[in-house]
PDB file of N, CA and C in Angstrom:
ATOM      1  N   UNK A   1       4.124  -7.363 -14.965  1.00  0.00           N
ATOM      2  CA  UNK A   1       3.187  -6.314 -15.316  1.00  0.00           C
ATOM      3  C   UNK A   1       3.710  -4.948 -14.877  1.00  0.00           C
ATOM      4  N   UNK A   2       4.197  -4.855 -13.661  1.00  0.00           N
ATOM      5  CA  UNK A   2       4.721  -3.591 -13.142  1.00  0.00           C
ATOM      6  C   UNK A   2       5.901  -3.107 -13.990  1.00  0.00           C
ATOM      7  N   UNK A   3       6.782  -4.021 -14.352  1.00  0.00           N
ATOM      8  CA  UNK A   3       7.952  -3.646 -15.159  1.00  0.00           C
ATOM      9  C   UNK A   3       7.516  -3.104 -16.518  1.00  0.00           C
ATOM     10  N   UNK A   4       6.498  -3.704 -17.109  1.00  0.00           N
ATOM     11  CA  UNK A   4       5.992  -3.232 -18.399  1.00  0.00           C
ATOM     12  C   UNK A   4       5.381  -1.838 -18.265  1.00  0.00           C
ATOM     13  N   UNK A   5       4.638  -1.599 -17.201  1.00  0.00           N
ATOM     14  CA  UNK A   5       4.060  -0.262 -16.973  1.00  0.00           C
ATOM     15  C   UNK A   5       5.162   0.780 -16.811  1.00  0.00           C
ATOM     16  N   UNK A   6       6.186   0.422 -16.057  1.00  0.00           N
ATOM     17  CA  UNK A   6       7.290   1.360 -15.845  1.00  0.00           C
ATOM     18  C   UNK A   6       8.041   1.635 -17.143  1.00  0.00           C
ATOM     19  N   UNK A   7       8.263   0.591 -17.943  1.00  0.00           N
ATOM     20  CA  UNK A   7       8.958   0.772 -19.222  1.00  0.00           C
ATOM     21  C   UNK A   7       8.154   1.690 -20.135  1.00  0.00           C
ATOM     22  N   UNK A   8       6.862   1.438 -20.236  1.00  0.00           N
ATOM     23  CA  UNK A   8       6.001   2.267 -21.088  1.00  0.00           C
ATOM     24  C   UNK A   8       5.916   3.700 -20.558  1.00  0.00           C
ATOM     25  N   UNK A   9       5.859   3.846 -19.259  1.00  0.00           N
ATOM     26  CA  UNK A   9       5.830   5.185 -18.658  1.00  0.00           C
ATOM     27  C   UNK A   9       7.087   5.960 -19.018  1.00  0.00           C
ATOM     28  N   UNK A  10       8.224   5.303 -18.911  1.00  0.00           N
ATOM     29  CA  UNK A  10       9.495   5.956 -19.239  1.00  0.00           C
ATOM     30  C   UNK A  10       9.517   6.391 -20.701  1.00  0.00           C
ATOM     31  N   UNK A  11       9.048   5.525 -21.587  1.00  0.00           N
ATOM     32  CA  UNK A  11       8.976   5.878 -23.011  1.00  0.00           C
ATOM     33  C   UNK A  11       8.120   7.121 -23.226  1.00  0.00           C
ATOM     34  N   UNK A  12       6.944   7.144 -22.597  1.00  0.00           N
ATOM     35  CA  UNK A  12       6.039   8.274 -22.766  1.00  0.00           C
ATOM     36  C   UNK A  12       6.598   9.554 -22.156  1.00  0.00           C
ATOM     37  N   UNK A  13       7.262   9.435 -21.022  1.00  0.00           N
ATOM     38  CA  UNK A  13       7.863  10.617 -20.401  1.00  0.00           C
ATOM     39  C   UNK A  13       8.940  11.220 -21.301  1.00  0.00           C
ATOM     40  N   UNK A  14       9.654  10.367 -22.002  1.00  0.00           N
ATOM     41  CA  UNK A  14      10.738  10.836 -22.871  1.00  0.00           C
ATOM     42  C   UNK A  14      10.248  11.324 -24.228  1.00  0.00           C
ATOM     43  N   UNK A  15       9.116  10.805 -24.698  1.00  0.00           N
ATOM     44  CA  UNK A  15       8.716  11.080 -26.080  1.00  0.00           C
ATOM     45  C   UNK A  15       7.430  11.895 -26.236  1.00  0.00           C
ATOM     46  N   UNK A  16       6.769  12.221 -25.148  1.00  0.00           N
ATOM     47  CA  UNK A  16       5.515  12.954 -25.268  1.00  0.00           C
ATOM     48  C   UNK A  16       5.530  14.195 -24.377  1.00  0.00           C
ATOM     49  N   UNK A  17       4.531  15.017 -24.587  1.00  0.00           N
ATOM     50  CA  UNK A  17       4.384  16.219 -23.769  1.00  0.00           C
ATOM     51  C   UNK A  17       3.315  16.031 -22.692  1.00  0.00           C
ATOM     52  N   UNK A  18       2.824  14.807 -22.543  1.00  0.00           N
ATOM     53  CA  UNK A  18       1.785  14.529 -21.547  1.00  0.00           C
ATOM     54  C   UNK A  18       2.321  14.754 -20.137  1.00  0.00           C
ATOM     55  N   UNK A  19       1.499  15.298 -19.261  1.00  0.00           N
ATOM     56  CA  UNK A  19       1.906  15.410 -17.859  1.00  0.00           C
ATOM     57  C   UNK A  19       1.957  14.023 -17.221  1.00  0.00           C
ATOM     58  N   UNK A  20       2.713  13.917 -16.157  1.00  0.00           N
ATOM     59  CA  UNK A  20       2.899  12.623 -15.492  1.00  0.00           C
ATOM     60  C   UNK A  20       1.572  12.036 -15.030  1.00  0.00           C
ATOM     61  N   UNK A  21       0.625  12.863 -14.665  1.00  0.00           N
ATOM     62  CA  UNK A  21      -0.689  12.373 -14.237  1.00  0.00           C
ATOM     63  C   UNK A  21      -1.385  11.614 -15.368  1.00  0.00           C
ATOM     64  N   UNK A  22      -1.306  12.148 -16.573  1.00  0.00           N
ATOM     65  CA  UNK A  22      -1.924  11.512 -17.732  1.00  0.00           C
ATOM     66  C   UNK A  22      -1.216  10.210 -18.072  1.00  0.00           C
ATOM     67  N   UNK A  23       0.100  10.226 -18.039  1.00  0.00           N
ATOM     68  CA  UNK A  23       0.873   9.022 -18.341  1.00  0.00           C
ATOM     69  C   UNK A  23       0.560   7.924 -17.340  1.00  0.00           C
ATOM     70  N   UNK A  24       0.487   8.281 -16.082  1.00  0.00           N
ATOM     71  CA  UNK A  24       0.148   7.283 -15.056  1.00  0.00           C
ATOM     72  C   UNK A  24      -1.185   6.624 -15.377  1.00  0.00           C
ATOM     73  N   UNK A  25      -2.158   7.422 -15.734  1.00  0.00           N
ATOM     74  CA  UNK A  25      -3.483   6.890 -16.061  1.00  0.00           C
ATOM     75  C   UNK A  25      -3.436   6.020 -17.317  1.00  0.00           C
ATOM     76  N   UNK A  26      -2.701   6.461 -18.329  1.00  0.00           N
ATOM     77  CA  UNK A  26      -2.626   5.721 -19.591  1.00  0.00           C
ATOM     78  C   UNK A  26      -2.028   4.330 -19.428  1.00  0.00           C
ATOM     79  N   UNK A  27      -1.047   4.204 -18.562  1.00  0.00           N
ATOM     80  CA  UNK A  27      -0.363   2.910 -18.419  1.00  0.00           C
ATOM     81  C   UNK A  27      -0.923   2.046 -17.297  1.00  0.00           C
ATOM     82  N   UNK A  28      -1.882   2.576 -16.520  1.00  0.00           N
ATOM     83  CA  UNK A  28      -2.563   1.752 -15.540  1.00  0.00           C
ATOM     84  C   UNK A  28      -2.175   1.936 -14.087  1.00  0.00           C
ATOM     85  N   UNK A  29      -1.432   2.997 -13.779  1.00  0.00           N
ATOM     86  CA  UNK A  29      -1.153   3.272 -12.373  1.00  0.00           C
ATOM     87  C   UNK A  29      -2.354   3.980 -11.766  1.00  0.00           C
ATOM     88  N   UNK A  30      -2.628   3.741 -10.480  1.00  0.00           N
ATOM     89  CA  UNK A  30      -3.786   4.380  -9.852  1.00  0.00           C
ATOM     90  C   UNK A  30      -3.601   5.884  -9.651  1.00  0.00           C
ATOM     91  N   UNK A  31      -2.352   6.348  -9.656  1.00  0.00           N
ATOM     92  CA  UNK A  31      -2.097   7.779  -9.461  1.00  0.00           C
ATOM     93  C   UNK A  31      -0.699   8.119  -9.952  1.00  0.00           C
ATOM     94  N   UNK A  32      -0.456   9.419 -10.120  1.00  0.00           N
ATOM     95  CA  UNK A  32       0.879   9.876 -10.495  1.00  0.00           C
ATOM     96  C   UNK A  32       1.881   9.564  -9.380  1.00  0.00           C
ATOM     97  N   UNK A  33       1.426   9.630  -8.136  1.00  0.00           N
ATOM     98  CA  UNK A  33       2.314   9.316  -7.015  1.00  0.00           C
ATOM     99  C   UNK A  33       2.787   7.869  -7.093  1.00  0.00           C
ATOM    100  N   UNK A  34       1.911   6.964  -7.477  1.00  0.00           N
ATOM    101  CA  UNK A  34       2.285   5.562  -7.629  1.00  0.00           C
ATOM    102  C   UNK A  34       3.334   5.388  -8.726  1.00  0.00           C
ATOM    103  N   UNK A  35       3.157   6.101  -9.810  1.00  0.00           N
ATOM    104  CA  UNK A  35       4.142   6.050 -10.894  1.00  0.00           C
ATOM    105  C   UNK A  35       5.482   6.577 -10.411  1.00  0.00           C
ATOM    106  N   UNK A  36       5.462   7.696  -9.726  1.00  0.00           N
ATOM    107  CA  UNK A  36       6.716   8.273  -9.221  1.00  0.00           C
ATOM    108  C   UNK A  36       7.423   7.314  -8.267  1.00  0.00           C
ATOM    109  N   UNK A  37       6.668   6.660  -7.418  1.00  0.00           N
ATOM    110  CA  UNK A  37       7.262   5.673  -6.509  1.00  0.00           C
ATOM    111  C   UNK A  37       7.883   4.525  -7.288  1.00  0.00           C
ATOM    112  N   UNK A  38       7.197   4.075  -8.327  1.00  0.00           N
ATOM    113  CA  UNK A  38       7.718   2.997  -9.151  1.00  0.00           C
ATOM    114  C   UNK A  38       8.997   3.376  -9.860  1.00  0.00           C
ATOM    115  N   UNK A  39       9.074   4.631 -10.282  1.00  0.00           N
ATOM    116  CA  UNK A  39      10.277   5.126 -10.954  1.00  0.00           C
ATOM    117  C   UNK A  39      11.351   5.508  -9.949  1.00  0.00           C
ATOM    118  N   UNK A  40      10.964   5.523  -8.659  1.00  0.00           N
ATOM    119  CA  UNK A  40      11.888   5.918  -7.584  1.00  0.00           C
ATOM    120  C   UNK A  40      12.462   7.304  -7.863  1.00  0.00           C
ATOM    121  N   UNK A  41      11.587   8.221  -8.251  1.00  0.00           N
ATOM    122  CA  UNK A  41      11.968   9.565  -8.615  1.00  0.00           C
ATOM    123  C   UNK A  41      11.240  10.573  -7.731  1.00  0.00           C
ATOM    124  N   UNK A  42      11.967  11.504  -7.156  1.00  0.00           N
ATOM    125  CA  UNK A  42      11.298  12.534  -6.350  1.00  0.00           C
ATOM    126  C   UNK A  42      10.249  13.275  -7.167  1.00  0.00           C
ATOM    127  N   UNK A  43       9.206  13.702  -6.514  1.00  0.00           N
ATOM    128  CA  UNK A  43       8.063  14.345  -7.172  1.00  0.00           C
ATOM    129  C   UNK A  43       8.493  15.498  -8.070  1.00  0.00           C
ATOM    130  N   UNK A  44       9.403  16.327  -7.665  1.00  0.00           N
ATOM    131  CA  UNK A  44       9.762  17.505  -8.437  1.00  0.00           C
ATOM    132  C   UNK A  44      10.608  17.204  -9.660  1.00  0.00           C
ATOM    133  N   UNK A  45      11.179  16.014  -9.762  1.00  0.00           N
ATOM    134  CA  UNK A  45      12.010  15.689 -10.908  1.00  0.00           C
ATOM    135  C   UNK A  45      11.222  15.182 -12.106  1.00  0.00           C
ATOM    136  N   UNK A  46       9.975  14.806 -11.916  1.00  0.00           N
ATOM    137  CA  UNK A  46       9.146  14.309 -13.011  1.00  0.00           C
ATOM    138  C   UNK A  46       8.102  15.354 -13.325  1.00  0.00           C
ATOM    139  N   UNK A  47       8.226  15.961 -14.480  1.00  0.00           N
ATOM    140  CA  UNK A  47       7.299  17.018 -14.929  1.00  0.00           C
ATOM    141  C   UNK A  47       6.447  17.510 -13.824  1.00  0.00           C
TER     142      UNK A  47
END
């Protein structure tokens, strides 16, 4: 499940103009911080 959320998040980050907070919510993460941790990406590198 986590891998699917991360894959979908990556797709949306690359193909949409949605902020990371919206993408996190759309794919089922409790927060943008949780998504960033899953992507192992520093906060400032993701929109």
